[in-house]
């Protein structure tokens, strides 16, 4: 390496050390290309695992139905039903 190249390397090393590094055109191209590649690969991975399979849909439906049944039983039980009726009566009789 000649003296000018050595000086340029020293300047770039000191710039990097203090966070004053400005990439050259080739380095910028490589950084942008690497970032785009990472984004595209990430999007492909997300697309491969984006949806549920049939068994997952079935399990979700079973869980939702079970929750609905439990909620229905709780709401239609005697004490809860009476309390809900009292709340509605009080709301209808409230003065404005």
PDB file of N, CA and C in Angstrom:
ATOM      1  N   UNK A   1       0.849  -1.174   0.000  1.00  0.00           N
ATOM      2  CA  UNK A   1       0.000   0.000   0.000  1.00  0.00           C
ATOM      3  C   UNK A   1       0.891   1.232   0.000  1.00  0.00           C
ATOM      4  N   UNK A   2       0.443   2.215  -0.727  1.00  0.00           N
ATOM      5  CA  UNK A   2       1.210   3.457  -0.748  1.00  0.00           C
ATOM      6  C   UNK A   2       0.796   4.341   0.427  1.00  0.00           C
ATOM      7  N   UNK A   3       1.448   5.464   0.573  1.00  0.00           N
ATOM      8  CA  UNK A   3       1.185   6.346   1.713  1.00  0.00           C
ATOM      9  C   UNK A   3      -0.232   6.907   1.689  1.00  0.00           C
ATOM     10  N   UNK A   4      -0.747   7.236   0.514  1.00  0.00           N
ATOM     11  CA  UNK A   4      -2.091   7.794   0.405  1.00  0.00           C
ATOM     12  C   UNK A   4      -3.143   6.769   0.834  1.00  0.00           C
ATOM     13  N   UNK A   5      -2.960   5.534   0.422  1.00  0.00           N
ATOM     14  CA  UNK A   5      -3.910   4.482   0.802  1.00  0.00           C
ATOM     15  C   UNK A   5      -3.850   4.235   2.306  1.00  0.00           C
ATOM     16  N   UNK A   6      -2.655   4.253   2.862  1.00  0.00           N
ATOM     17  CA  UNK A   6      -2.499   4.064   4.307  1.00  0.00           C
ATOM     18  C   UNK A   6      -3.181   5.192   5.064  1.00  0.00           C
ATOM     19  N   UNK A   7      -3.005   6.427   4.560  1.00  0.00           N
ATOM     20  CA  UNK A   7      -3.641   7.578   5.201  1.00  0.00           C
ATOM     21  C   UNK A   7      -5.161   7.467   5.135  1.00  0.00           C
ATOM     22  N   UNK A   8      -5.681   7.045   3.977  1.00  0.00           N
ATOM     23  CA  UNK A   8      -7.133   6.891   3.841  1.00  0.00           C
ATOM     24  C   UNK A   8      -7.655   5.825   4.803  1.00  0.00           C
ATOM     25  N   UNK A   9      -6.911   4.722   4.938  1.00  0.00           N
ATOM     26  CA  UNK A   9      -7.319   3.661   5.856  1.00  0.00           C
ATOM     27  C   UNK A   9      -7.317   4.160   7.300  1.00  0.00           C
ATOM     28  N   UNK A  10      -6.319   4.918   7.675  1.00  0.00           N
ATOM     29  CA  UNK A  10      -6.256   5.454   9.034  1.00  0.00           C
ATOM     30  C   UNK A  10      -7.412   6.416   9.298  1.00  0.00           C
ATOM     31  N   UNK A  11      -7.726   7.249   8.308  1.00  0.00           N
ATOM     32  CA  UNK A  11      -8.835   8.189   8.461  1.00  0.00           C
ATOM     33  C   UNK A  11     -10.144   7.418   8.626  1.00  0.00           C
ATOM     34  N   UNK A  12     -10.373   6.396   7.793  1.00  0.00           N
ATOM     35  CA  UNK A  12     -11.604   5.611   7.890  1.00  0.00           C
ATOM     36  C   UNK A  12     -11.686   4.867   9.212  1.00  0.00           C
ATOM     37  N   UNK A  13     -10.552   4.336   9.683  1.00  0.00           N
ATOM     38  CA  UNK A  13     -10.539   3.640  10.975  1.00  0.00           C
ATOM     39  C   UNK A  13     -10.898   4.590  12.110  1.00  0.00           C
ATOM     40  N   UNK A  14     -10.355   5.805  12.083  1.00  0.00           N
ATOM     41  CA  UNK A  14     -10.676   6.766  13.141  1.00  0.00           C
ATOM     42  C   UNK A  14     -12.124   7.233  13.021  1.00  0.00           C
ATOM     43  N   UNK A  15     -12.635   7.351  11.805  1.00  0.00           N
ATOM     44  CA  UNK A  15     -14.036   7.728  11.633  1.00  0.00           C
ATOM     45  C   UNK A  15     -14.952   6.660  12.214  1.00  0.00           C
ATOM     46  N   UNK A  16     -14.642   5.403  11.947  1.00  0.00           N
ATOM     47  CA  UNK A  16     -15.439   4.311  12.488  1.00  0.00           C
ATOM     48  C   UNK A  16     -15.383   4.306  14.007  1.00  0.00           C
ATOM     49  N   UNK A  17     -14.219   4.556  14.554  1.00  0.00           N
ATOM     50  CA  UNK A  17     -14.016   4.530  15.997  1.00  0.00           C
ATOM     51  C   UNK A  17     -14.902   5.556  16.691  1.00  0.00           C
ATOM     52  N   UNK A  18     -15.063   6.731  16.093  1.00  0.00           N
ATOM     53  CA  UNK A  18     -15.831   7.802  16.716  1.00  0.00           C
ATOM     54  C   UNK A  18     -17.250   7.925  16.154  1.00  0.00           C
ATOM     55  N   UNK A  19     -17.680   6.963  15.379  1.00  0.00           N
ATOM     56  CA  UNK A  19     -19.037   6.977  14.848  1.00  0.00           C
ATOM     57  C   UNK A  19     -19.249   7.977  13.727  1.00  0.00           C
ATOM     58  N   UNK A  20     -18.203   8.370  13.062  1.00  0.00           N
ATOM     59  CA  UNK A  20     -18.301   9.332  11.977  1.00  0.00           C
ATOM     60  C   UNK A  20     -18.088   8.666  10.627  1.00  0.00           C
ATOM     61  N   UNK A  21     -18.428   7.395  10.552  1.00  0.00           N
ATOM     62  CA  UNK A  21     -18.161   6.606   9.357  1.00  0.00           C
ATOM     63  C   UNK A  21     -19.223   6.877   8.304  1.00  0.00           C
ATOM     64  N   UNK A  22     -18.790   7.257   7.116  1.00  0.00           N
ATOM     65  CA  UNK A  22     -19.683   7.462   5.990  1.00  0.00           C
ATOM     66  C   UNK A  22     -19.325   6.433   4.928  1.00  0.00           C
ATOM     67  N   UNK A  23     -20.234   5.519   4.615  1.00  0.00           N
ATOM     68  CA  UNK A  23     -19.911   4.434   3.686  1.00  0.00           C
ATOM     69  C   UNK A  23     -19.704   4.951   2.264  1.00  0.00           C
ATOM     70  N   UNK A  24     -18.880   4.211   1.539  1.00  0.00           N
ATOM     71  CA  UNK A  24     -18.674   4.526   0.130  1.00  0.00           C
ATOM     72  C   UNK A  24     -19.861   3.998  -0.660  1.00  0.00           C
ATOM     73  N   UNK A  25     -19.875   4.258  -1.958  1.00  0.00           N
ATOM     74  CA  UNK A  25     -20.975   3.793  -2.805  1.00  0.00           C
ATOM     75  C   UNK A  25     -21.113   2.288  -2.798  1.00  0.00           C
ATOM     76  N   UNK A  26     -19.993   1.587  -2.864  1.00  0.00           N
ATOM     77  CA  UNK A  26     -20.030   0.118  -2.877  1.00  0.00           C
ATOM     78  C   UNK A  26     -20.514  -0.410  -1.536  1.00  0.00           C
ATOM     79  N   UNK A  27     -20.040   0.169  -0.454  1.00  0.00           N
ATOM     80  CA  UNK A  27     -20.472  -0.279   0.876  1.00  0.00           C
ATOM     81  C   UNK A  27     -21.954   0.000   1.093  1.00  0.00           C
ATOM     82  N   UNK A  28     -22.413   1.146   0.600  1.00  0.00           N
ATOM     83  CA  UNK A  28     -23.830   1.478   0.713  1.00  0.00           C
ATOM     84  C   UNK A  28     -24.674   0.490  -0.102  1.00  0.00           C
ATOM     85  N   UNK A  29     -24.229   0.166  -1.296  1.00  0.00           N
ATOM     86  CA  UNK A  29     -24.929  -0.803  -2.136  1.00  0.00           C
ATOM     87  C   UNK A  29     -25.013  -2.151  -1.426  1.00  0.00           C
ATOM     88  N   UNK A  30     -23.908  -2.588  -0.849  1.00  0.00           N
ATOM     89  CA  UNK A  30     -23.896  -3.875  -0.164  1.00  0.00           C
ATOM     90  C   UNK A  30     -24.812  -3.864   1.060  1.00  0.00           C
ATOM     91  N   UNK A  31     -24.831  -2.749   1.784  1.00  0.00           N
ATOM     92  CA  UNK A  31     -25.690  -2.660   2.966  1.00  0.00           C
ATOM     93  C   UNK A  31     -27.162  -2.680   2.570  1.00  0.00           C
ATOM     94  N   UNK A  32     -27.509  -1.925   1.524  1.00  0.00           N
ATOM     95  CA  UNK A  32     -28.906  -1.887   1.069  1.00  0.00           C
ATOM     96  C   UNK A  32     -29.328  -3.248   0.537  1.00  0.00           C
ATOM     97  N   UNK A  33     -28.450  -3.886  -0.214  1.00  0.00           N
ATOM     98  CA  UNK A  33     -28.765  -5.199  -0.760  1.00  0.00           C
ATOM     99  C   UNK A  33     -28.969  -6.224   0.359  1.00  0.00           C
ATOM    100  N   UNK A  34     -28.107  -6.181   1.374  1.00  0.00           N
ATOM    101  CA  UNK A  34     -28.249  -7.112   2.498  1.00  0.00           C
ATOM    102  C   UNK A  34     -29.557  -6.865   3.249  1.00  0.00           C
ATOM    103  N   UNK A  35     -29.911  -5.602   3.428  1.00  0.00           N
ATOM    104  CA  UNK A  35     -31.147  -5.277   4.133  1.00  0.00           C
ATOM    105  C   UNK A  35     -32.372  -5.737   3.341  1.00  0.00           C
ATOM    106  N   UNK A  36     -32.362  -5.511   2.033  1.00  0.00           N
ATOM    107  CA  UNK A  36     -33.475  -5.966   1.200  1.00  0.00           C
ATOM    108  C   UNK A  36     -33.593  -7.482   1.206  1.00  0.00           C
ATOM    109  N   UNK A  37     -32.461  -8.160   1.158  1.00  0.00           N
ATOM    110  CA  UNK A  37     -32.472  -9.620   1.201  1.00  0.00           C
ATOM    111  C   UNK A  37     -33.091 -10.099   2.518  1.00  0.00           C
ATOM    112  N   UNK A  38     -32.729  -9.453   3.623  1.00  0.00           N
ATOM    113  CA  UNK A  38     -33.279  -9.835   4.915  1.00  0.00           C
ATOM    114  C   UNK A  38     -34.791  -9.596   4.960  1.00  0.00           C
ATOM    115  N   UNK A  39     -35.232  -8.477   4.393  1.00  0.00           N
ATOM    116  CA  UNK A  39     -36.667  -8.192   4.378  1.00  0.00           C
ATOM    117  C   UNK A  39     -37.438  -9.199   3.537  1.00  0.00           C
ATOM    118  N   UNK A  40     -36.909  -9.525   2.361  1.00  0.00           N
ATOM    119  CA  UNK A  40     -37.585 -10.477   1.478  1.00  0.00           C
ATOM    120  C   UNK A  40     -37.636 -11.856   2.120  1.00  0.00           C
ATOM    121  N   UNK A  41     -36.538 -12.283   2.713  1.00  0.00           N
ATOM    122  CA  UNK A  41     -36.523 -13.593   3.369  1.00  0.00           C
ATOM    123  C   UNK A  41     -37.494 -13.618   4.547  1.00  0.00           C
ATOM    124  N   UNK A  42     -37.576 -12.506   5.276  1.00  0.00           N
ATOM    125  CA  UNK A  42     -38.518 -12.426   6.390  1.00  0.00           C
ATOM    126  C   UNK A  42     -39.951 -12.490   5.926  1.00  0.00           C
ATOM    127  N   UNK A  43     -40.236 -11.826   4.798  1.00  0.00           N
ATOM    128  CA  UNK A  43     -41.598 -11.855   4.263  1.00  0.00           C
ATOM    129  C   UNK A  43     -41.952 -13.258   3.776  1.00  0.00           C
ATOM    130  N   UNK A  44     -40.999 -13.936   3.164  1.00  0.00           N
ATOM    131  CA  UNK A  44     -41.268 -15.306   2.705  1.00  0.00           C
ATOM    132  C   UNK A  44     -41.539 -16.213   3.890  1.00  0.00           C
ATOM    133  N   UNK A  45     -40.757 -16.068   4.959  1.00  0.00           N
ATOM    134  CA  UNK A  45     -40.955 -16.898   6.141  1.00  0.00           C
ATOM    135  C   UNK A  45     -42.313 -16.614   6.768  1.00  0.00           C
ATOM    136  N   UNK A  46     -42.715 -15.349   6.806  1.00  0.00           N
ATOM    137  CA  UNK A  46     -44.014 -15.000   7.380  1.00  0.00           C
ATOM    138  C   UNK A  46     -45.148 -15.549   6.526  1.00  0.00           C
ATOM    139  N   UNK A  47     -44.966 -15.526   5.220  1.00  0.00           N
ATOM    140  CA  UNK A  47     -45.996 -16.035   4.326  1.00  0.00           C
ATOM    141  C   UNK A  47     -46.156 -17.541   4.490  1.00  0.00           C
ATOM    142  N   UNK A  48     -45.059 -18.262   4.700  1.00  0.00           N
ATOM    143  CA  UNK A  48     -45.146 -19.717   4.862  1.00  0.00           C
ATOM    144  C   UNK A  48     -45.913 -20.088   6.117  1.00  0.00           C
ATOM    145  N   UNK A  49     -45.857 -19.246   7.148  1.00  0.00           N
ATOM    146  CA  UNK A  49     -46.471 -19.579   8.428  1.00  0.00           C
ATOM    147  C   UNK A  49     -47.568 -18.577   8.772  1.00  0.00           C
ATOM    148  N   UNK A  50     -48.267 -18.081   7.750  1.00  0.00           N
ATOM    149  CA  UNK A  50     -49.216 -17.005   7.976  1.00  0.00           C
ATOM    150  C   UNK A  50     -50.570 -17.502   8.468  1.00  0.00           C
ATOM    151  N   UNK A  51     -50.998 -18.688   8.071  1.00  0.00           N
ATOM    152  CA  UNK A  51     -52.349 -19.122   8.404  1.00  0.00           C
ATOM    153  C   UNK A  51     -52.390 -20.345   9.292  1.00  0.00           C
ATOM    154  N   UNK A  52     -53.613 -20.687   9.673  1.00  0.00           N
ATOM    155  CA  UNK A  52     -53.797 -21.880  10.481  1.00  0.00           C
ATOM    156  C   UNK A  52     -54.179 -23.038   9.571  1.00  0.00           C
ATOM    157  N   UNK A  53     -53.818 -24.214  10.006  1.00  0.00           N
ATOM    158  CA  UNK A  53     -54.222 -25.402   9.270  1.00  0.00           C
ATOM    159  C   UNK A  53     -55.588 -25.846   9.796  1.00  0.00           C
ATOM    160  N   UNK A  54     -56.177 -26.801   9.134  1.00  0.00           N
ATOM    161  CA  UNK A  54     -57.539 -27.230   9.460  1.00  0.00           C
ATOM    162  C   UNK A  54     -57.665 -27.702  10.908  1.00  0.00           C
ATOM    163  N   UNK A  55     -56.680 -28.425  11.400  1.00  0.00           N
ATOM    164  CA  UNK A  55     -56.767 -28.906  12.783  1.00  0.00           C
ATOM    165  C   UNK A  55     -56.735 -27.742  13.769  1.00  0.00           C
ATOM    166  N   UNK A  56     -55.999 -26.691  13.459  1.00  0.00           N
ATOM    167  CA  UNK A  56     -55.975 -25.526  14.347  1.00  0.00           C
ATOM    168  C   UNK A  56     -57.315 -24.797  14.321  1.00  0.00           C
ATOM    169  N   UNK A  57     -57.935 -24.705  13.142  1.00  0.00           N
ATOM    170  CA  UNK A  57     -59.272 -24.125  13.065  1.00  0.00           C
ATOM    171  C   UNK A  57     -60.250 -24.939  13.902  1.00  0.00           C
ATOM    172  N   UNK A  58     -60.185 -26.259  13.801  1.00  0.00           N
ATOM    173  CA  UNK A  58     -61.097 -27.127  14.544  1.00  0.00           C
ATOM    174  C   UNK A  58     -60.912 -26.943  16.049  1.00  0.00           C
ATOM    175  N   UNK A  59     -59.682 -26.873  16.510  1.00  0.00           N
ATOM    176  CA  UNK A  59     -59.424 -26.684  17.942  1.00  0.00           C
ATOM    177  C   UNK A  59     -59.923 -25.311  18.391  1.00  0.00           C
ATOM    178  N   UNK A  60     -59.745 -24.304  17.559  1.00  0.00           N
ATOM    179  CA  UNK A  60     -60.240 -22.970  17.896  1.00  0.00           C
ATOM    180  C   UNK A  60     -61.746 -22.930  18.008  1.00  0.00           C
ATOM    181  N   UNK A  61     -62.422 -23.611  17.096  1.00  0.00           N
ATOM    182  CA  UNK A  61     -63.888 -23.653  17.122  1.00  0.00           C
ATOM    183  C   UNK A  61     -64.379 -24.408  18.352  1.00  0.00           C
ATOM    184  N   UNK A  62     -63.740 -25.522  18.669  1.00  0.00           N
ATOM    185  CA  UNK A  62     -64.133 -26.295  19.858  1.00  0.00           C
ATOM    186  C   UNK A  62     -63.957 -25.458  21.120  1.00  0.00           C
ATOM    187  N   UNK A  63     -62.845 -24.746  21.218  1.00  0.00           N
ATOM    188  CA  UNK A  63     -62.604 -23.902  22.390  1.00  0.00           C
ATOM    189  C   UNK A  63     -63.628 -22.777  22.473  1.00  0.00           C
ATOM    190  N   UNK A  64     -63.971 -22.167  21.348  1.00  0.00           N
ATOM    191  CA  UNK A  64     -64.954 -21.081  21.343  1.00  0.00           C
ATOM    192  C   UNK A  64     -66.333 -21.589  21.749  1.00  0.00           C
ATOM    193  N   UNK A  65     -66.715 -22.752  21.256  1.00  0.00           N
ATOM    194  CA  UNK A  65     -68.017 -23.323  21.609  1.00  0.00           C
ATOM    195  C   UNK A  65     -68.055 -23.682  23.092  1.00  0.00           C
ATOM    196  N   UNK A  66     -66.978 -24.256  23.603  1.00  0.00           N
ATOM    197  CA  UNK A  66     -66.930 -24.601  25.026  1.00  0.00           C
ATOM    198  C   UNK A  66     -67.055 -23.346  25.886  1.00  0.00           C
ATOM    199  N   UNK A  67     -66.363 -22.284  25.506  1.00  0.00           N
ATOM    200  CA  UNK A  67     -66.453 -21.023  26.254  1.00  0.00           C
ATOM    201  C   UNK A  67     -67.873 -20.471  26.183  1.00  0.00           C
ATOM    202  N   UNK A  68     -68.512 -20.550  25.017  1.00  0.00           N
ATOM    203  CA  UNK A  68     -69.884 -20.048  24.864  1.00  0.00           C
ATOM    204  C   UNK A  68     -70.854 -20.838  25.734  1.00  0.00           C
ATOM    205  N   UNK A  69     -70.663 -22.146  25.816  1.00  0.00           N
ATOM    206  CA  UNK A  69     -71.546 -22.980  26.641  1.00  0.00           C
ATOM    207  C   UNK A  69     -71.396 -22.619  28.112  1.00  0.00           C
ATOM    208  N   UNK A  70     -70.167 -22.470  28.560  1.00  0.00           N
ATOM    209  CA  UNK A  70     -69.936 -22.105  29.964  1.00  0.00           C
ATOM    210  C   UNK A  70     -70.531 -20.727  30.252  1.00  0.00           C
ATOM    211  N   UNK A  71     -70.326 -19.789  29.377  1.00  0.00           N
ATOM    212  CA  UNK A  71     -70.883 -18.444  29.564  1.00  0.00           C
ATOM    213  C   UNK A  71     -72.408 -18.482  29.590  1.00  0.00           C
ATOM    214  N   UNK A  72     -73.014 -19.259  28.709  1.00  0.00           N
ATOM    215  CA  UNK A  72     -74.473 -19.377  28.673  1.00  0.00           C
ATOM    216  C   UNK A  72     -75.004 -19.962  29.981  1.00  0.00           C
ATOM    217  N   UNK A  73     -74.330 -21.006  30.481  1.00  0.00           N
ATOM    218  CA  UNK A  73     -74.764 -21.636  31.735  1.00  0.00           C
ATOM    219  C   UNK A  73     -74.654 -20.649  32.901  1.00  0.00           C
ATOM    220  N   UNK A  74     -73.592 -19.857  32.924  1.00  0.00           N
ATOM    221  CA  UNK A  74     -73.410 -18.889  34.013  1.00  0.00           C
ATOM    222  C   UNK A  74     -74.484 -17.813  33.936  1.00  0.00           C
ATOM    223  N   UNK A  75     -74.719 -17.285  32.758  1.00  0.00           N
ATOM    224  CA  UNK A  75     -75.674 -16.181  32.606  1.00  0.00           C
ATOM    225  C   UNK A  75     -77.101 -16.645  32.868  1.00  0.00           C
ATOM    226  N   UNK A  76     -77.440 -17.867  32.506  1.00  0.00           N
ATOM    227  CA  UNK A  76     -78.813 -18.348  32.704  1.00  0.00           C
ATOM    228  C   UNK A  76     -79.020 -19.005  34.060  1.00  0.00           C
ATOM    229  N   UNK A  77     -78.011 -19.049  34.895  1.00  0.00           N
ATOM    230  CA  UNK A  77     -78.194 -19.619  36.234  1.00  0.00           C
ATOM    231  C   UNK A  77     -79.068 -18.670  37.057  1.00  0.00           C
ATOM    232  N   UNK A  78     -79.694 -19.196  38.097  1.00  0.00           N
ATOM    233  CA  UNK A  78     -80.653 -18.429  38.893  1.00  0.00           C
ATOM    234  C   UNK A  78     -80.120 -17.121  39.460  1.00  0.00           C
ATOM    235  N   UNK A  79     -79.060 -17.146  40.253  1.00  0.00           N
ATOM    236  CA  UNK A  79     -78.589 -15.903  40.883  1.00  0.00           C
ATOM    237  C   UNK A  79     -78.110 -14.856  39.876  1.00  0.00           C
ATOM    238  N   UNK A  80     -77.423 -15.281  38.853  1.00  0.00           N
ATOM    239  CA  UNK A  80     -76.907 -14.337  37.860  1.00  0.00           C
ATOM    240  C   UNK A  80     -78.060 -13.756  37.052  1.00  0.00           C
ATOM    241  N   UNK A  81     -79.019 -14.595  36.684  1.00  0.00           N
ATOM    242  CA  UNK A  81     -80.166 -14.125  35.915  1.00  0.00           C
ATOM    243  C   UNK A  81     -80.964 -13.109  36.719  1.00  0.00           C
ATOM    244  N   UNK A  82     -81.173 -13.390  38.002  1.00  0.00           N
ATOM    245  CA  UNK A  82     -81.914 -12.452  38.855  1.00  0.00           C
ATOM    246  C   UNK A  82     -81.155 -11.132  38.982  1.00  0.00           C
ATOM    247  N   UNK A  83     -79.871 -11.186  39.153  1.00  0.00           N
ATOM    248  CA  UNK A  83     -79.070  -9.968  39.278  1.00  0.00           C
ATOM    249  C   UNK A  83     -79.103  -9.156  37.988  1.00  0.00           C
ATOM    250  N   UNK A  84     -79.025  -9.827  36.844  1.00  0.00           N
ATOM    251  CA  UNK A  84     -79.110  -9.115  35.570  1.00  0.00           C
ATOM    252  C   UNK A  84     -80.473  -8.456  35.394  1.00  0.00           C
ATOM    253  N   UNK A  85     -81.537  -9.141  35.825  1.00  0.00           N
ATOM    254  CA  UNK A  85     -82.880  -8.555  35.742  1.00  0.00           C
ATOM    255  C   UNK A  85     -82.988  -7.332  36.638  1.00  0.00           C
ATOM    256  N   UNK A  86     -82.402  -7.394  37.829  1.00  0.00           N
ATOM    257  CA  UNK A  86     -82.422  -6.237  38.730  1.00  0.00           C
ATOM    258  C   UNK A  86     -81.668  -5.054  38.127  1.00  0.00           C
ATOM    259  N   UNK A  87     -80.557  -5.316  37.492  1.00  0.00           N
ATOM    260  CA  UNK A  87     -79.770  -4.249  36.862  1.00  0.00           C
ATOM    261  C   UNK A  87     -80.586  -3.585  35.755  1.00  0.00           C
ATOM    262  N   UNK A  88     -81.262  -4.395  34.947  1.00  0.00           N
ATOM    263  CA  UNK A  88     -82.066  -3.843  33.859  1.00  0.00           C
ATOM    264  C   UNK A  88     -83.245  -3.039  34.416  1.00  0.00           C
ATOM    265  N   UNK A  89     -83.905  -3.547  35.461  1.00  0.00           N
ATOM    266  CA  UNK A  89     -85.036  -2.825  36.068  1.00  0.00           C
ATOM    267  C   UNK A  89     -84.585  -1.487  36.632  1.00  0.00           C
ATOM    268  N   UNK A  90     -83.443  -1.478  37.312  1.00  0.00           N
ATOM    269  CA  UNK A  90     -82.928  -0.231  37.871  1.00  0.00           C
ATOM    270  C   UNK A  90     -82.570   0.757  36.780  1.00  0.00           C
ATOM    271  N   UNK A  91     -82.025   0.238  35.694  1.00  0.00           N
ATOM    272  CA  UNK A  91     -81.656   1.136  34.582  1.00  0.00           C
ATOM    273  C   UNK A  91     -82.904   1.726  33.931  1.00  0.00           C
ATOM    274  N   UNK A  92     -83.949   0.934  33.819  1.00  0.00           N
ATOM    275  CA  UNK A  92     -85.189   1.436  33.195  1.00  0.00           C
ATOM    276  C   UNK A  92     -85.924   2.413  34.113  1.00  0.00           C
ATOM    277  N   UNK A  93     -85.811   2.239  35.419  1.00  0.00           N
ATOM    278  CA  UNK A  93     -86.495   3.103  36.373  1.00  0.00           C
ATOM    279  C   UNK A  93     -85.663   4.315  36.779  1.00  0.00           C
ATOM    280  N   UNK A  94     -84.479   4.431  36.262  1.00  0.00           N
ATOM    281  CA  UNK A  94     -83.610   5.554  36.633  1.00  0.00           C
ATOM    282  C   UNK A  94     -84.185   6.862  36.152  1.00  0.00           C
ATOM    283  N   UNK A  95     -84.054   7.898  36.970  1.00  0.00           N
ATOM    284  CA  UNK A  95     -84.535   9.221  36.589  1.00  0.00           C
ATOM    285  C   UNK A  95     -83.430   9.970  35.883  1.00  0.00           C
ATOM    286  N   UNK A  96     -83.841  10.696  34.891  1.00  0.00           N
ATOM    287  CA  UNK A  96     -82.865  11.460  34.104  1.00  0.00           C
ATOM    288  C   UNK A  96     -82.952  12.911  34.442  1.00  0.00           C
TER     289      UNK A  96
END
